[in-house]
Amino acid sequence: MARMNGKTETQTEEQEMVNQELDPAHELPAAEGLGEREAELQKLKAERDSLLDRLARSQAEFDNARKRAVREQQEFRDFALADAIRTLLPVVDSFELALRSSSEKSEFRGGVDLIFKQLQDALLKLGVQPVPAKGERFDPHVHEAIEMVDTHEAKDQEVLEELQRGYKLRERLLRPAMVKVARNSKH
């Protein structure tokens, strides 16, 4: 093996072969080279399509997981808020009872009335709304019938009296309204 500028003849021959393979002007025999390149091109296109499909699926899965996490966090917040509000509802009931029992106008009553209105406003800002009851048609999804009253003065299944107010947090029922319901076979 003769040495030429620090390279052996075999190294030089190998390098020339590599250069010929990379040289676009160097062509394989027409039929053989075209078929192999076409097959390799098809293989690379299929691999690319497969990778793009996997990427799109991964992005969709990530997006779905992110949306699910946001929804679960909101549900947890709503659950915690609902639990806290349920503990306040007896306080609201006590205020209503106190305001109904005393009809005299005094500074004390005015103060209690103001505190009650502030409490109602705070609950409203949180999304808490009372369940409509008196005069409404009985709805077992939001009303709890405590008593059925036979009467001809109201429509059948109409709520006659609200004994305890019911509340909703957005669309979630916190507590059903306890009501008296009319039973009237003629209407």
Protein backbone atom coordinates (compact mmCIF):
# COMPACT_ATOMS: atom_id res chain seq x y z
CA MET A 1 0.00 0.00 0.00
CA ALA A 2 1.45 3.26 -1.06
CA ARG A 3 1.06 6.29 1.16
CA MET A 4 -0.13 9.51 -0.44
CA ASN A 5 -0.16 12.60 1.79
CA GLY A 6 -0.84 10.51 4.89
CA LYS A 7 -3.62 8.45 3.27
CA THR A 8 -3.50 4.95 2.00
CA GLU A 9 -4.72 3.98 -1.47
CA THR A 10 -7.68 2.08 0.00
CA GLN A 11 -8.82 5.11 1.99
CA THR A 12 -8.69 7.22 -1.15
CA GLU A 13 -10.66 4.65 -3.14
CA GLU A 14 -13.33 4.45 -0.42
CA GLN A 15 -13.62 8.24 -0.33
CA GLU A 16 -14.05 8.39 -4.09
CA MET A 17 -16.82 5.77 -3.90
CA VAL A 18 -18.62 7.79 -1.21
CA ASN A 19 -18.26 10.97 -3.27
CA GLN A 20 -19.68 9.20 -6.32
CA GLU A 21 -22.71 8.00 -4.30
CA LEU A 22 -23.37 11.52 -3.01
CA ASP A 23 -22.78 13.16 -6.41
CA PRO A 24 -26.17 13.72 -8.09
CA ALA A 25 -24.50 13.53 -11.48
CA HIS A 26 -23.39 9.98 -10.69
CA GLU A 27 -26.21 7.70 -11.74
CA LEU A 28 -26.82 4.07 -11.11
CA PRO A 29 -27.90 2.04 -14.06
CA ALA A 30 -31.23 3.56 -15.12
CA ALA A 31 -33.73 0.84 -14.20
CA GLU A 32 -32.06 -0.30 -10.98
CA GLY A 33 -31.32 3.14 -9.54
CA LEU A 34 -34.71 4.65 -10.33
CA GLY A 35 -36.61 1.78 -8.72
CA GLU A 36 -34.50 1.84 -5.56
CA ARG A 37 -34.75 5.61 -5.17
CA GLU A 38 -38.50 5.54 -5.77
CA ALA A 39 -38.89 2.77 -3.17
CA GLU A 40 -36.75 4.68 -0.66
CA LEU A 41 -38.70 7.87 -1.37
CA GLN A 42 -42.00 6.05 -0.77
CA LYS A 43 -40.60 4.57 2.45
CA LEU A 44 -39.51 8.01 3.69
CA LYS A 45 -42.89 9.54 2.79
CA ALA A 46 -44.69 6.76 4.68
CA GLU A 47 -42.44 7.27 7.70
CA ARG A 48 -43.01 11.05 7.55
CA ASP A 49 -46.78 10.56 7.34
CA SER A 50 -46.66 8.17 10.27
CA LEU A 51 -44.66 10.64 12.37
CA LEU A 52 -47.00 13.51 11.47
CA ASP A 53 -49.99 11.37 12.43
CA ARG A 54 -48.39 10.47 15.77
CA LEU A 55 -47.58 14.13 16.38
CA ALA A 56 -51.16 15.18 15.65
CA ARG A 57 -52.51 12.48 17.96
CA SER A 58 -50.09 13.46 20.72
CA GLN A 59 -51.11 17.10 20.41
CA ALA A 60 -54.80 16.16 20.57
CA GLU A 61 -54.22 13.97 23.63
CA PHE A 62 -52.30 16.79 25.32
CA ASP A 63 -55.05 19.28 24.53
CA ASN A 64 -57.73 16.90 25.86
CA ALA A 65 -55.72 16.27 29.04
CA ARG A 66 -55.31 20.02 29.57
CA LYS A 67 -59.04 20.64 29.09
CA ARG A 68 -59.88 17.76 31.42
CA ALA A 69 -57.53 19.16 34.10
CA VAL A 70 -59.11 22.62 33.83
CA ARG A 71 -62.62 21.11 34.07
CA GLU A 72 -61.65 18.98 37.08
CA GLN A 73 -60.13 22.00 38.84
CA GLN A 74 -63.31 24.01 38.26
CA GLU A 75 -65.46 21.13 39.51
CA PHE A 76 -63.28 20.90 42.64
CA ARG A 77 -63.62 24.65 43.25
CA ASP A 78 -67.39 24.43 42.77
CA PHE A 79 -67.58 21.45 45.14
CA ALA A 80 -65.56 23.29 47.81
CA LEU A 81 -67.62 26.46 47.34
CA ALA A 82 -70.89 24.49 47.54
CA ASP A 83 -69.75 22.87 50.78
CA ALA A 84 -68.84 26.24 52.31
CA ILE A 85 -72.14 27.81 51.23
CA ARG A 86 -74.15 24.90 52.67
CA THR A 87 -72.68 25.72 56.09
CA LEU A 88 -73.87 29.34 55.70
CA LEU A 89 -77.45 28.51 54.72
CA PRO A 90 -78.65 27.97 58.34
CA VAL A 91 -77.33 31.48 59.13
CA VAL A 92 -79.35 32.88 56.22
CA ASP A 93 -82.40 30.98 57.50
CA SER A 94 -81.93 32.45 60.99
CA PHE A 95 -81.72 35.98 59.57
CA GLU A 96 -84.93 35.46 57.59
CA LEU A 97 -86.70 34.09 60.67
CA ALA A 98 -85.51 37.02 62.80
CA LEU A 99 -86.65 39.55 60.23
CA ARG A 100 -90.07 37.89 59.86
CA SER A 101 -90.71 37.76 63.61
CA SER A 102 -90.18 41.46 64.31
CA SER A 103 -92.10 44.07 62.34
CA GLU A 104 -91.18 47.10 64.46
CA LYS A 105 -88.90 49.70 62.92
CA SER A 106 -85.79 50.31 64.99
CA GLU A 107 -82.10 50.94 64.46
CA PHE A 108 -81.35 47.39 65.53
CA ARG A 109 -83.77 45.94 62.99
CA GLY A 110 -82.36 48.25 60.32
CA GLY A 111 -78.84 46.97 61.11
CA VAL A 112 -79.92 43.34 60.98
CA ASP A 113 -81.74 44.00 57.72
CA LEU A 114 -78.62 45.63 56.25
CA ILE A 115 -76.40 42.70 57.30
CA PHE A 116 -78.88 40.26 55.78
CA LYS A 117 -78.91 42.17 52.47
CA GLN A 118 -75.09 42.20 52.41
CA LEU A 119 -75.04 38.45 53.01
CA GLN A 120 -77.54 37.92 50.20
CA ASP A 121 -75.49 40.13 47.84
CA ALA A 122 -72.30 38.21 48.68
CA LEU A 123 -74.04 34.90 47.96
CA LEU A 124 -75.43 36.28 44.69
CA LYS A 125 -71.92 37.32 43.59
CA LEU A 126 -70.76 33.76 44.25
CA GLY A 127 -73.53 32.44 41.98
CA VAL A 128 -76.01 31.37 44.66
CA GLN A 129 -79.66 31.91 43.79
CA PRO A 130 -82.85 31.01 45.64
CA VAL A 131 -85.05 28.32 44.13
CA PRO A 132 -88.42 29.80 43.07
CA ALA A 133 -91.18 28.08 45.01
CA LYS A 134 -94.45 29.81 46.02
CA GLY A 135 -96.93 29.83 43.14
CA GLU A 136 -94.73 27.56 41.01
CA ARG A 137 -95.62 24.06 39.86
CA PHE A 138 -94.11 21.43 42.16
CA ASP A 139 -90.83 20.14 40.72
CA PRO A 140 -89.33 17.18 42.60
CA HIS A 141 -85.87 18.15 41.26
CA VAL A 142 -85.82 21.39 43.24
CA HIS A 143 -88.69 21.10 45.76
CA GLU A 144 -89.21 18.79 48.69
CA ALA A 145 -92.88 18.32 49.53
CA ILE A 146 -93.38 18.36 53.28
CA GLU A 147 -97.16 18.40 53.15
CA MET A 148 -99.93 17.89 50.58
CA VAL A 149 -102.95 20.14 51.20
CA ASP A 150 -106.39 19.39 49.73
CA THR A 151 -107.76 22.63 48.31
CA HIS A 152 -109.92 23.91 45.46
CA GLU A 153 -108.36 27.39 45.52
CA ALA A 154 -105.14 26.41 43.74
CA LYS A 155 -104.12 24.27 40.81
CA ASP A 156 -103.09 20.70 41.40
CA GLN A 157 -99.36 20.38 42.23
CA GLU A 158 -98.98 24.13 42.83
CA VAL A 159 -96.66 25.19 45.67
CA LEU A 160 -98.81 26.89 48.29
CA GLU A 161 -96.20 27.83 50.86
CA GLU A 162 -92.42 27.80 51.17
CA LEU A 163 -91.38 26.51 54.58
CA GLN A 164 -87.65 26.70 53.96
CA ARG A 165 -86.01 28.39 50.99
CA GLY A 166 -84.01 26.26 48.59
CA TYR A 167 -80.79 27.38 46.90
CA LYS A 168 -78.79 26.65 43.76
CA LEU A 169 -75.15 27.33 43.00
CA ARG A 170 -75.24 28.06 39.28
CA GLU A 171 -77.05 24.91 38.05
CA ARG A 172 -76.19 22.69 41.04
CA LEU A 173 -78.87 22.30 43.68
CA LEU A 174 -77.47 23.06 47.13
CA ARG A 175 -80.69 22.49 49.04
CA PRO A 176 -84.24 21.83 47.85
CA ALA A 177 -87.03 24.17 48.94
CA MET A 178 -89.28 22.60 51.56
CA VAL A 179 -92.84 23.31 50.50
CA LYS A 180 -96.54 22.66 51.00
CA VAL A 181 -98.18 21.47 47.79
CA ALA A 182 -101.81 21.73 46.67
CA ARG A 183 -103.76 18.61 45.84
CA ASN A 184 -106.76 19.42 43.71
CA SER A 185 -108.47 16.73 41.69
CA LYS A 186 -110.71 19.25 39.79
CA HIS A 187 -107.87 21.26 38.10
